[in-house]
């Protein structure tokens, strides 16, 4: 019964919190409206999520988020350094093919989004069979090491979380 009323409890909580962030004012009316949106939207969208992913290991999710946040900060500094001091003469941009062991579409989407959110890299294309992703790097001294770093830092944790 409760699963029918609140099919995605974490989404309901997140929608309520996002509502508070949007209105930027805590009142009883905003709480009721946020809670209503947090219940109604997941109920209306539940038929579109027949095989919703099961997230395992909540501590791995937190660890992944912290690693991605740290990598974004470091990459911002590295890209600024490249733009300000290296100029175009010393840049070595390249394309890297990262073979994937992930099978979950949600995990692959999170990986592609993570790569794109990190300054200096963009996930450009997913292979038709979803076994590799093409990544463009703004600057890379060692493309193989960058490929291995993506697999070790991101893909390994996503396998723990999604599979």
N, C-alpha and C. Protein backbone atom coordinates (compact mmCIF):
# COMPACT_ATOMS: atom_id res chain seq x y z
N UNK A 1 0.83 -1.20 0.00
CA UNK A 1 0.00 0.00 0.00
C UNK A 1 0.87 1.26 0.00
N UNK A 2 1.87 1.29 0.88
CA UNK A 2 2.72 2.48 0.96
C UNK A 2 3.53 2.66 -0.32
N UNK A 3 3.88 1.54 -0.97
CA UNK A 3 4.66 1.60 -2.22
C UNK A 3 3.82 2.23 -3.35
N UNK A 4 2.51 2.04 -3.30
CA UNK A 4 1.63 2.67 -4.30
C UNK A 4 1.49 4.16 -4.05
N UNK A 5 1.42 4.54 -2.78
CA UNK A 5 1.27 5.95 -2.43
C UNK A 5 2.57 6.72 -2.68
N UNK A 6 3.68 6.13 -2.31
CA UNK A 6 4.99 6.76 -2.50
C UNK A 6 5.89 5.76 -3.23
N UNK A 7 5.82 5.70 -4.56
CA UNK A 7 6.58 4.70 -5.31
C UNK A 7 8.09 4.93 -5.29
N UNK A 8 8.51 6.18 -5.14
CA UNK A 8 9.94 6.51 -5.13
C UNK A 8 10.20 7.44 -3.94
N UNK A 9 10.40 6.87 -2.75
CA UNK A 9 10.52 7.71 -1.55
C UNK A 9 11.69 8.71 -1.61
N UNK A 10 12.83 8.28 -2.12
CA UNK A 10 13.96 9.21 -2.20
C UNK A 10 13.68 10.35 -3.17
N UNK A 11 13.02 10.05 -4.28
CA UNK A 11 12.64 11.09 -5.22
C UNK A 11 11.65 12.06 -4.59
N UNK A 12 10.73 11.55 -3.80
CA UNK A 12 9.76 12.41 -3.11
C UNK A 12 10.46 13.37 -2.17
N UNK A 13 11.40 12.86 -1.41
CA UNK A 13 12.15 13.72 -0.49
C UNK A 13 12.97 14.75 -1.27
N UNK A 14 13.62 14.30 -2.34
CA UNK A 14 14.44 15.21 -3.14
C UNK A 14 13.59 16.31 -3.77
N UNK A 15 12.43 15.96 -4.29
CA UNK A 15 11.55 16.96 -4.89
C UNK A 15 11.09 17.99 -3.85
N UNK A 16 10.79 17.53 -2.66
CA UNK A 16 10.39 18.45 -1.59
C UNK A 16 11.53 19.40 -1.25
N UNK A 17 12.75 18.87 -1.15
CA UNK A 17 13.91 19.72 -0.84
C UNK A 17 14.20 20.69 -1.97
N UNK A 18 14.06 20.24 -3.21
CA UNK A 18 14.27 21.13 -4.35
C UNK A 18 13.23 22.24 -4.34
N UNK A 19 12.00 21.90 -3.96
CA UNK A 19 10.97 22.93 -3.89
C UNK A 19 11.35 24.00 -2.88
N UNK A 20 11.86 23.58 -1.72
CA UNK A 20 12.29 24.56 -0.71
C UNK A 20 13.44 25.40 -1.25
N UNK A 21 14.33 24.80 -2.02
CA UNK A 21 15.43 25.56 -2.61
C UNK A 21 14.93 26.59 -3.62
N UNK A 22 13.87 26.24 -4.35
CA UNK A 22 13.34 27.16 -5.35
C UNK A 22 12.57 28.32 -4.73
N UNK A 23 11.77 28.05 -3.73
CA UNK A 23 10.97 29.13 -3.13
C UNK A 23 11.79 29.92 -2.11
N UNK A 24 12.82 29.32 -1.56
CA UNK A 24 13.75 29.98 -0.65
C UNK A 24 13.05 30.58 0.57
N UNK A 25 11.99 29.93 1.00
CA UNK A 25 11.27 30.40 2.18
C UNK A 25 10.57 29.21 2.83
N UNK A 26 10.77 29.03 4.11
CA UNK A 26 10.16 27.91 4.81
C UNK A 26 8.88 28.39 5.50
N UNK A 27 7.74 27.93 4.94
CA UNK A 27 6.45 28.19 5.55
C UNK A 27 5.66 26.89 5.53
N UNK A 28 4.58 26.86 6.28
CA UNK A 28 3.74 25.67 6.31
C UNK A 28 3.14 25.41 4.93
N UNK A 29 2.73 26.47 4.24
CA UNK A 29 2.16 26.32 2.89
C UNK A 29 3.18 25.74 1.91
N UNK A 30 4.43 26.21 1.99
CA UNK A 30 5.47 25.68 1.12
C UNK A 30 5.80 24.23 1.45
N UNK A 31 5.73 23.90 2.74
CA UNK A 31 5.96 22.51 3.14
C UNK A 31 4.87 21.60 2.58
N UNK A 32 3.63 22.02 2.69
CA UNK A 32 2.52 21.22 2.18
C UNK A 32 2.57 21.10 0.66
N UNK A 33 2.86 22.21 -0.03
CA UNK A 33 2.95 22.16 -1.49
C UNK A 33 4.14 21.32 -1.94
N UNK A 34 5.28 21.46 -1.28
CA UNK A 34 6.45 20.65 -1.61
C UNK A 34 6.20 19.17 -1.39
N UNK A 35 5.54 18.84 -0.28
CA UNK A 35 5.22 17.44 0.00
C UNK A 35 4.21 16.90 -1.02
N UNK A 36 3.25 17.72 -1.40
CA UNK A 36 2.27 17.29 -2.40
C UNK A 36 2.96 17.03 -3.73
N UNK A 37 3.84 17.94 -4.15
CA UNK A 37 4.58 17.71 -5.38
C UNK A 37 5.47 16.48 -5.26
N UNK A 38 6.06 16.29 -4.09
CA UNK A 38 6.92 15.14 -3.86
C UNK A 38 6.18 13.82 -3.91
N UNK A 39 4.88 13.85 -3.69
CA UNK A 39 4.08 12.62 -3.77
C UNK A 39 3.43 12.48 -5.15
N UNK A 40 2.90 13.57 -5.68
CA UNK A 40 2.16 13.49 -6.95
C UNK A 40 3.07 13.19 -8.15
N UNK A 41 4.21 13.86 -8.23
CA UNK A 41 5.08 13.66 -9.40
C UNK A 41 5.58 12.22 -9.49
N UNK A 42 6.08 11.61 -8.42
CA UNK A 42 6.49 10.20 -8.55
C UNK A 42 5.34 9.26 -8.88
N UNK A 43 4.14 9.53 -8.37
CA UNK A 43 2.99 8.68 -8.69
C UNK A 43 2.67 8.78 -10.18
N UNK A 44 2.70 9.98 -10.72
CA UNK A 44 2.41 10.17 -12.14
C UNK A 44 3.49 9.59 -13.05
N UNK A 45 4.74 9.60 -12.61
CA UNK A 45 5.84 9.11 -13.45
C UNK A 45 6.20 7.65 -13.19
N UNK A 46 5.59 7.02 -12.20
CA UNK A 46 5.91 5.63 -11.86
C UNK A 46 5.76 4.66 -13.03
N UNK A 47 4.74 4.80 -13.89
CA UNK A 47 4.64 3.86 -15.02
C UNK A 47 5.81 3.94 -16.00
N UNK A 48 6.53 5.06 -15.97
CA UNK A 48 7.67 5.20 -16.88
C UNK A 48 8.96 4.63 -16.30
N UNK A 49 8.91 4.11 -15.10
CA UNK A 49 10.06 3.53 -14.43
C UNK A 49 9.78 2.06 -14.08
N UNK A 50 9.46 1.21 -15.03
CA UNK A 50 9.10 -0.16 -14.67
C UNK A 50 10.27 -0.94 -14.05
N UNK A 51 11.46 -0.71 -14.52
CA UNK A 51 12.63 -1.43 -14.00
C UNK A 51 13.60 -0.44 -13.37
N UNK A 52 13.11 0.29 -12.40
CA UNK A 52 13.97 1.31 -11.81
C UNK A 52 15.20 0.67 -11.17
N UNK A 53 16.31 1.36 -11.23
CA UNK A 53 17.55 0.77 -10.72
C UNK A 53 17.54 0.67 -9.21
N UNK A 54 18.16 -0.36 -8.73
CA UNK A 54 18.32 -0.54 -7.28
C UNK A 54 19.71 -0.03 -6.92
N UNK A 55 19.74 0.92 -6.03
CA UNK A 55 21.02 1.45 -5.59
C UNK A 55 21.49 0.68 -4.37
N UNK A 56 22.67 0.12 -4.47
CA UNK A 56 23.25 -0.59 -3.35
C UNK A 56 24.36 0.24 -2.73
N UNK A 57 24.72 -0.07 -1.53
CA UNK A 57 25.84 0.55 -0.83
C UNK A 57 25.75 2.08 -0.79
N UNK A 58 24.93 2.60 0.10
CA UNK A 58 24.78 4.05 0.19
C UNK A 58 26.09 4.77 0.52
N UNK A 59 26.98 4.12 1.23
CA UNK A 59 28.26 4.75 1.52
C UNK A 59 29.10 4.90 0.26
N UNK A 60 28.94 3.98 -0.69
CA UNK A 60 29.64 4.10 -1.97
C UNK A 60 29.10 5.27 -2.77
N UNK A 61 27.81 5.57 -2.65
CA UNK A 61 27.24 6.72 -3.33
C UNK A 61 27.87 8.01 -2.79
N UNK A 62 28.00 8.09 -1.47
CA UNK A 62 28.61 9.26 -0.85
C UNK A 62 30.08 9.37 -1.26
N UNK A 63 30.78 8.24 -1.24
CA UNK A 63 32.18 8.22 -1.64
C UNK A 63 32.33 8.68 -3.09
N UNK A 64 31.45 8.18 -3.97
CA UNK A 64 31.49 8.56 -5.38
C UNK A 64 31.26 10.07 -5.55
N UNK A 65 30.28 10.59 -4.84
CA UNK A 65 29.97 12.03 -4.94
C UNK A 65 31.16 12.87 -4.47
N UNK A 66 31.82 12.45 -3.41
CA UNK A 66 32.98 13.20 -2.91
C UNK A 66 34.15 13.12 -3.89
N UNK A 67 34.36 11.95 -4.48
CA UNK A 67 35.44 11.80 -5.47
C UNK A 67 35.17 12.69 -6.68
N UNK A 68 33.94 12.68 -7.16
CA UNK A 68 33.59 13.51 -8.33
C UNK A 68 33.75 14.99 -7.99
N UNK A 69 33.29 15.40 -6.83
CA UNK A 69 33.41 16.81 -6.42
C UNK A 69 34.89 17.21 -6.36
N UNK A 70 35.72 16.38 -5.76
CA UNK A 70 37.16 16.66 -5.68
C UNK A 70 37.77 16.73 -7.08
N UNK A 71 37.42 15.79 -7.94
CA UNK A 71 37.97 15.77 -9.30
C UNK A 71 37.54 17.00 -10.10
N UNK A 72 36.34 17.49 -9.87
CA UNK A 72 35.87 18.70 -10.56
C UNK A 72 36.68 19.91 -10.10
N UNK A 73 36.95 19.99 -8.81
CA UNK A 73 37.75 21.11 -8.29
C UNK A 73 39.17 21.07 -8.86
N UNK A 74 39.80 19.90 -8.83
CA UNK A 74 41.15 19.74 -9.35
C UNK A 74 41.19 20.04 -10.84
N UNK A 75 40.22 19.53 -11.59
CA UNK A 75 40.19 19.74 -13.04
C UNK A 75 39.99 21.22 -13.39
N UNK A 76 39.21 21.94 -12.59
CA UNK A 76 39.05 23.37 -12.82
C UNK A 76 40.39 24.09 -12.72
N UNK A 77 41.17 23.75 -11.73
CA UNK A 77 42.49 24.37 -11.55
C UNK A 77 43.40 23.97 -12.72
N UNK A 78 43.37 22.70 -13.11
CA UNK A 78 44.22 22.25 -14.21
C UNK A 78 43.85 22.93 -15.53
N UNK A 79 42.58 23.06 -15.82
CA UNK A 79 42.15 23.70 -17.06
C UNK A 79 42.52 25.19 -17.03
N UNK A 80 42.34 25.84 -15.89
CA UNK A 80 42.74 27.25 -15.79
C UNK A 80 44.24 27.39 -16.03
N UNK A 81 45.03 26.48 -15.48
CA UNK A 81 46.48 26.50 -15.68
C UNK A 81 46.83 26.34 -17.16
N UNK A 82 46.16 25.40 -17.82
CA UNK A 82 46.41 25.18 -19.24
C UNK A 82 46.07 26.43 -20.05
N UNK A 83 44.92 27.01 -19.76
CA UNK A 83 44.47 28.18 -20.52
C UNK A 83 45.39 29.38 -20.28
N UNK A 84 45.78 29.58 -19.03
CA UNK A 84 46.57 30.76 -18.71
C UNK A 84 48.05 30.64 -19.08
N UNK A 85 48.63 29.46 -18.94
CA UNK A 85 50.08 29.36 -19.06
C UNK A 85 50.58 28.46 -20.18
N UNK A 86 49.87 27.43 -20.52
CA UNK A 86 50.39 26.51 -21.54
C UNK A 86 50.10 26.98 -22.95
N UNK A 87 49.03 27.69 -23.12
CA UNK A 87 48.59 28.15 -24.44
C UNK A 87 48.40 26.96 -25.37
N UNK A 88 48.33 27.19 -26.64
CA UNK A 88 48.06 26.13 -27.61
C UNK A 88 49.30 25.35 -28.00
N UNK A 89 50.49 25.91 -27.79
CA UNK A 89 51.71 25.25 -28.25
C UNK A 89 51.97 23.92 -27.54
N UNK A 90 51.68 23.84 -26.28
CA UNK A 90 51.99 22.63 -25.51
C UNK A 90 50.79 21.73 -25.26
N UNK A 91 49.64 22.05 -25.83
CA UNK A 91 48.45 21.24 -25.58
C UNK A 91 48.47 19.97 -26.41
N UNK A 92 48.07 18.88 -25.78
CA UNK A 92 47.96 17.59 -26.46
C UNK A 92 46.55 17.05 -26.24
N UNK A 93 45.62 17.53 -27.03
CA UNK A 93 44.26 17.01 -26.91
C UNK A 93 44.21 15.64 -27.60
N UNK A 94 43.31 14.81 -27.13
CA UNK A 94 43.23 13.46 -27.71
C UNK A 94 41.84 12.87 -27.48
N UNK A 95 41.58 11.82 -28.23
CA UNK A 95 40.36 11.01 -28.07
C UNK A 95 40.76 9.71 -27.39
N UNK A 96 39.99 9.32 -26.40
CA UNK A 96 40.26 8.09 -25.66
C UNK A 96 39.03 7.20 -25.74
N UNK A 97 39.23 5.95 -26.07
CA UNK A 97 38.15 4.97 -26.02
C UNK A 97 38.24 4.23 -24.69
N UNK A 98 37.19 4.34 -23.91
CA UNK A 98 37.16 3.68 -22.60
C UNK A 98 36.24 2.47 -22.70
N UNK A 99 36.81 1.25 -22.64
CA UNK A 99 35.95 0.06 -22.66
C UNK A 99 35.16 -0.02 -21.35
N UNK A 100 33.90 -0.39 -21.47
CA UNK A 100 33.02 -0.41 -20.30
C UNK A 100 32.71 -1.82 -19.84
N UNK A 101 32.73 -2.01 -18.55
CA UNK A 101 32.25 -3.24 -17.94
C UNK A 101 30.85 -3.04 -17.37
N UNK A 102 30.41 -1.79 -17.31
CA UNK A 102 29.06 -1.48 -16.81
C UNK A 102 28.02 -2.00 -17.79
N UNK A 103 26.92 -2.49 -17.27
CA UNK A 103 25.83 -2.96 -18.12
C UNK A 103 24.54 -2.17 -17.89
N UNK A 104 24.40 -1.57 -16.74
CA UNK A 104 23.19 -0.81 -16.41
C UNK A 104 23.18 0.51 -17.18
N UNK A 105 22.08 0.79 -17.89
CA UNK A 105 22.01 2.07 -18.62
C UNK A 105 22.13 3.28 -17.70
N UNK A 106 21.60 3.15 -16.48
CA UNK A 106 21.68 4.26 -15.54
C UNK A 106 23.12 4.51 -15.12
N UNK A 107 23.86 3.44 -14.87
CA UNK A 107 25.27 3.57 -14.48
C UNK A 107 26.09 4.17 -15.61
N UNK A 108 25.84 3.76 -16.84
CA UNK A 108 26.55 4.31 -17.99
C UNK A 108 26.22 5.80 -18.15
N UNK A 109 24.97 6.17 -17.91
CA UNK A 109 24.58 7.56 -17.99
C UNK A 109 25.27 8.40 -16.93
N UNK A 110 25.36 7.87 -15.71
CA UNK A 110 26.05 8.59 -14.64
C UNK A 110 27.54 8.74 -14.98
N UNK A 111 28.15 7.69 -15.52
CA UNK A 111 29.56 7.77 -15.91
C UNK A 111 29.76 8.83 -17.00
N UNK A 112 28.93 8.82 -18.03
CA UNK A 112 29.05 9.81 -19.11
C UNK A 112 28.84 11.23 -18.58
N UNK A 113 27.89 11.39 -17.70
CA UNK A 113 27.65 12.70 -17.10
C UNK A 113 28.81 13.16 -16.24
N UNK A 114 29.40 12.24 -15.49
CA UNK A 114 30.54 12.56 -14.65
C UNK A 114 31.72 13.01 -15.50
N UNK A 115 31.98 12.30 -16.57
CA UNK A 115 33.09 12.65 -17.46
C UNK A 115 32.86 14.04 -18.05
N UNK A 116 31.64 14.33 -18.46
CA UNK A 116 31.34 15.62 -19.07
C UNK A 116 31.36 16.75 -18.04
N UNK A 117 30.93 16.48 -16.81
CA UNK A 117 30.95 17.52 -15.78
C UNK A 117 32.37 17.90 -15.35
N UNK A 118 33.31 17.00 -15.53
CA UNK A 118 34.68 17.27 -15.13
C UNK A 118 35.34 18.13 -16.21
N UNK A 119 35.76 19.35 -15.89
CA UNK A 119 36.36 20.22 -16.90
C UNK A 119 37.57 19.57 -17.57
N UNK A 120 37.64 19.76 -18.87
CA UNK A 120 38.75 19.21 -19.64
C UNK A 120 38.43 17.90 -20.32
N UNK A 121 37.30 17.30 -19.99
CA UNK A 121 36.89 16.05 -20.64
C UNK A 121 35.42 16.13 -21.05
N UNK A 122 35.11 15.44 -22.14
CA UNK A 122 33.73 15.37 -22.63
C UNK A 122 33.48 13.97 -23.13
N UNK A 123 32.39 13.36 -22.67
CA UNK A 123 32.00 12.07 -23.24
C UNK A 123 31.25 12.37 -24.53
N UNK A 124 31.78 11.88 -25.64
CA UNK A 124 31.26 12.27 -26.94
C UNK A 124 30.30 11.26 -27.54
N UNK A 125 30.57 9.97 -27.34
CA UNK A 125 29.75 8.96 -28.00
C UNK A 125 29.80 7.65 -27.23
N UNK A 126 28.67 6.98 -27.22
CA UNK A 126 28.58 5.64 -26.65
C UNK A 126 28.48 4.66 -27.79
N UNK A 127 29.23 3.58 -27.72
CA UNK A 127 29.17 2.57 -28.77
C UNK A 127 27.76 1.98 -28.85
N UNK A 128 27.39 1.51 -30.02
CA UNK A 128 26.05 0.97 -30.23
C UNK A 128 25.75 -0.19 -29.30
N UNK A 129 26.77 -0.98 -28.96
CA UNK A 129 26.56 -2.11 -28.07
C UNK A 129 26.80 -1.74 -26.60
N UNK A 130 27.03 -0.48 -26.30
CA UNK A 130 27.25 0.05 -24.95
C UNK A 130 28.46 -0.56 -24.26
N UNK A 131 29.44 -0.97 -25.03
CA UNK A 131 30.64 -1.57 -24.43
C UNK A 131 31.83 -0.63 -24.39
N UNK A 132 31.68 0.59 -24.92
CA UNK A 132 32.78 1.56 -24.90
C UNK A 132 32.19 2.96 -25.01
N UNK A 133 32.93 3.90 -24.46
CA UNK A 133 32.54 5.30 -24.54
C UNK A 133 33.73 6.09 -25.08
N UNK A 134 33.46 7.02 -25.96
CA UNK A 134 34.50 7.85 -26.56
C UNK A 134 34.59 9.15 -25.77
N UNK A 135 35.79 9.47 -25.31
CA UNK A 135 36.02 10.64 -24.46
C UNK A 135 37.04 11.55 -25.12
N UNK A 136 36.76 12.83 -25.14
CA UNK A 136 37.74 13.81 -25.62
C UNK A 136 38.38 14.49 -24.42
N UNK A 137 39.71 14.54 -24.43
CA UNK A 137 40.47 15.20 -23.37
C UNK A 137 41.10 16.47 -23.93
N UNK A 138 40.97 17.56 -23.22
CA UNK A 138 41.57 18.83 -23.63
C UNK A 138 43.09 18.73 -23.67
N UNK A 139 43.66 18.06 -22.67
CA UNK A 139 45.11 17.89 -22.60
C UNK A 139 45.41 16.57 -21.88
N UNK A 140 46.26 15.76 -22.47
CA UNK A 140 46.63 14.50 -21.85
C UNK A 140 48.06 14.15 -22.22
N UNK A 141 48.89 13.97 -21.19
CA UNK A 141 50.26 13.52 -21.42
C UNK A 141 50.30 12.02 -21.65
N UNK A 142 49.32 11.30 -21.06
CA UNK A 142 49.30 9.85 -21.16
C UNK A 142 47.84 9.38 -21.28
N UNK A 143 47.34 9.20 -22.50
CA UNK A 143 45.93 8.81 -22.69
C UNK A 143 45.57 7.48 -22.03
N UNK A 144 46.50 6.52 -22.03
CA UNK A 144 46.22 5.23 -21.40
C UNK A 144 46.02 5.38 -19.89
N UNK A 145 46.83 6.22 -19.28
CA UNK A 145 46.69 6.45 -17.84
C UNK A 145 45.36 7.15 -17.53
N UNK A 146 44.96 8.08 -18.40
CA UNK A 146 43.67 8.74 -18.20
C UNK A 146 42.51 7.76 -18.34
N UNK A 147 42.61 6.85 -19.31
CA UNK A 147 41.59 5.82 -19.48
C UNK A 147 41.51 4.95 -18.23
N UNK A 148 42.67 4.53 -17.72
CA UNK A 148 42.70 3.69 -16.53
C UNK A 148 42.17 4.43 -15.30
N UNK A 149 42.43 5.74 -15.23
CA UNK A 149 41.94 6.53 -14.10
C UNK A 149 40.41 6.59 -14.13
N UNK A 150 39.83 6.76 -15.31
CA UNK A 150 38.37 6.78 -15.43
C UNK A 150 37.79 5.43 -14.97
N UNK A 151 38.42 4.36 -15.39
CA UNK A 151 37.92 3.03 -15.02
C UNK A 151 38.07 2.79 -13.52
N UNK A 152 39.19 3.18 -12.94
CA UNK A 152 39.43 2.91 -11.52
C UNK A 152 38.63 3.84 -10.61
N UNK A 153 38.61 5.13 -10.92
CA UNK A 153 37.97 6.09 -10.01
C UNK A 153 36.46 6.10 -10.14
N UNK A 154 35.95 5.92 -11.35
CA UNK A 154 34.51 6.07 -11.56
C UNK A 154 33.81 4.75 -11.82
N UNK A 155 34.27 4.01 -12.81
CA UNK A 155 33.54 2.81 -13.22
C UNK A 155 33.48 1.77 -12.12
N UNK A 156 34.57 1.57 -11.41
CA UNK A 156 34.60 0.56 -10.34
C UNK A 156 33.56 0.88 -9.26
N UNK A 157 33.49 2.15 -8.86
CA UNK A 157 32.50 2.53 -7.85
C UNK A 157 31.07 2.44 -8.37
N UNK A 158 30.87 2.80 -9.63
CA UNK A 158 29.53 2.70 -10.20
C UNK A 158 29.07 1.25 -10.29
N UNK A 159 30.00 0.32 -10.50
CA UNK A 159 29.62 -1.09 -10.49
C UNK A 159 29.14 -1.51 -9.11
N UNK A 160 29.79 -1.01 -8.08
CA UNK A 160 29.36 -1.32 -6.71
C UNK A 160 27.97 -0.74 -6.43
N UNK A 161 27.73 0.46 -6.93
CA UNK A 161 26.48 1.16 -6.63
C UNK A 161 25.30 0.56 -7.40
N UNK A 162 25.48 0.31 -8.71
CA UNK A 162 24.35 -0.08 -9.56
C UNK A 162 24.22 -1.58 -9.79
N UNK A 163 25.28 -2.36 -9.64
CA UNK A 163 25.18 -3.76 -10.05
C UNK A 163 25.50 -4.70 -8.91
